[in-house]
Amino acid sequence: MGQAIDIAAVRADLTARITALDVRAPYAGAAQIAADLDMIRRIAHAAGLDPVVTVTHFLCTVLARGNGSIHGWLSLLVDAVAAESSDLATCDVFAAACSVRLAA
């Protein structure tokens, strides 16, 4: 039987990773940012934090398009980490927020 996931510890780790990425992002190349986002996505997926996975997919699209600063996107990613629920409706809310931001 698998071990229980300490979701509070996972959230703290993800928040620390996102904060560190936010500091490094202006000086890092797209490949390094993408690698960091992929690690965040993998950790979130393993912990069942689906809103985080949703936002990281949009962030990777932004990065691939070269749409400029990702600072605001990382703020949205922190909000996804803190989301109370990981159900489909919550993922849809974050996807809608990302779609609006992407269209702007």
Protein backbone atom coordinates (compact mmCIF):
# COMPACT_ATOMS: atom_id res chain seq x y z
CA MET A 1 0.00 0.00 0.00
CA GLY A 2 1.32 3.49 -0.88
CA GLN A 3 2.25 6.18 1.57
CA ALA A 4 -0.09 9.09 2.19
CA ILE A 5 0.92 12.34 0.53
CA ASP A 6 1.53 15.30 2.83
CA ILE A 7 -0.37 17.78 0.67
CA ALA A 8 0.65 20.74 2.83
CA ALA A 9 4.31 19.88 2.27
CA VAL A 10 3.73 19.48 -1.47
CA ARG A 11 1.98 22.86 -1.63
CA ALA A 12 4.86 24.47 0.30
CA ASP A 13 7.42 22.87 -2.03
CA LEU A 14 5.55 23.98 -5.14
CA THR A 15 5.14 27.52 -3.82
CA ALA A 16 8.89 27.69 -3.08
CA ARG A 17 9.71 26.40 -6.56
CA ILE A 18 7.39 28.93 -8.20
CA THR A 19 8.85 31.78 -6.13
CA ALA A 20 12.38 30.74 -7.08
CA LEU A 21 11.36 30.52 -10.73
CA ASP A 22 9.81 33.98 -10.58
CA VAL A 23 13.13 35.38 -9.34
CA ARG A 24 15.18 33.50 -11.98
CA ALA A 25 12.82 33.90 -14.94
CA PRO A 26 14.05 37.28 -16.20
CA TYR A 27 17.58 35.88 -16.45
CA ALA A 28 16.87 32.28 -17.49
CA GLY A 29 16.46 30.89 -20.95
CA ALA A 30 13.22 29.40 -22.17
CA ALA A 31 14.61 25.85 -21.94
CA GLN A 32 15.42 26.21 -18.23
CA ILE A 33 12.06 27.79 -17.47
CA ALA A 34 10.33 24.98 -19.37
CA ALA A 35 12.29 22.38 -17.39
CA ASP A 36 11.29 24.05 -14.12
CA LEU A 37 7.65 24.20 -15.18
CA ASP A 38 7.75 20.54 -16.18
CA MET A 39 9.05 19.59 -12.73
CA ILE A 40 6.30 21.66 -11.09
CA ARG A 41 3.74 19.95 -13.33
CA ARG A 42 5.06 16.47 -12.49
CA ILE A 43 5.00 17.10 -8.74
CA ALA A 44 1.50 18.56 -8.95
CA HIS A 45 0.25 15.67 -11.05
CA ALA A 46 1.65 13.10 -8.63
CA ALA A 47 -0.07 14.91 -5.74
CA GLY A 48 -3.39 15.24 -7.55
CA LEU A 49 -3.22 19.04 -7.77
CA ASP A 50 -4.89 19.20 -11.16
CA PRO A 51 -5.45 22.99 -11.26
CA VAL A 52 -1.66 23.39 -11.11
CA VAL A 53 -1.28 20.97 -14.02
CA THR A 54 -3.84 22.98 -15.99
CA VAL A 55 -2.04 26.28 -15.44
CA THR A 56 1.41 24.82 -16.23
CA HIS A 57 0.11 23.64 -19.61
CA PHE A 58 -1.01 27.18 -20.43
CA LEU A 59 2.26 28.59 -19.12
CA CYS A 60 4.21 26.32 -21.44
CA THR A 61 2.15 27.65 -24.33
CA VAL A 62 2.96 31.21 -23.30
CA LEU A 63 6.64 30.34 -23.03
CA ALA A 64 6.66 28.66 -26.44
CA ARG A 65 5.03 31.70 -28.02
CA GLY A 66 7.52 34.07 -26.41
CA ASN A 67 4.69 36.23 -25.06
CA GLY A 68 6.97 38.18 -22.71
CA SER A 69 7.01 38.18 -18.93
CA ILE A 70 5.56 35.19 -17.10
CA HIS A 71 5.40 36.99 -13.74
CA GLY A 72 1.61 37.36 -13.77
CA TRP A 73 1.23 33.78 -14.90
CA LEU A 74 3.32 32.57 -11.97
CA SER A 75 1.00 34.45 -9.64
CA LEU A 76 -1.91 32.53 -11.14
CA LEU A 77 0.08 29.33 -10.68
CA VAL A 78 0.50 30.10 -6.96
CA ASP A 79 -3.28 30.58 -6.76
CA ALA A 80 -3.73 27.15 -8.37
CA VAL A 81 -1.42 25.60 -5.76
CA ALA A 82 -3.58 27.10 -3.01
CA ALA A 83 -6.89 26.02 -4.57
CA GLU A 84 -9.10 24.22 -2.07
CA SER A 85 -10.37 21.75 -4.65
CA SER A 86 -8.81 19.83 -7.50
CA ASP A 87 -12.05 18.79 -9.17
CA LEU A 88 -12.91 19.32 -12.82
CA ALA A 89 -14.92 22.48 -12.11
CA THR A 90 -11.92 24.10 -10.40
CA CYS A 91 -9.68 23.13 -13.29
CA ASP A 92 -12.22 24.67 -15.67
CA VAL A 93 -12.16 27.94 -13.69
CA PHE A 94 -8.36 28.09 -13.93
CA ALA A 95 -8.46 27.16 -17.63
CA ALA A 96 -10.93 29.98 -18.25
CA ALA A 97 -8.72 32.45 -16.37
CA CYS A 98 -5.73 31.30 -18.42
CA SER A 99 -7.68 31.59 -21.67
CA VAL A 100 -8.68 35.17 -20.87
CA ARG A 101 -5.10 36.06 -19.95
CA LEU A 102 -3.77 34.35 -23.07
CA ALA A 103 -6.21 36.26 -25.29
CA ALA A 104 -5.29 39.63 -23.75
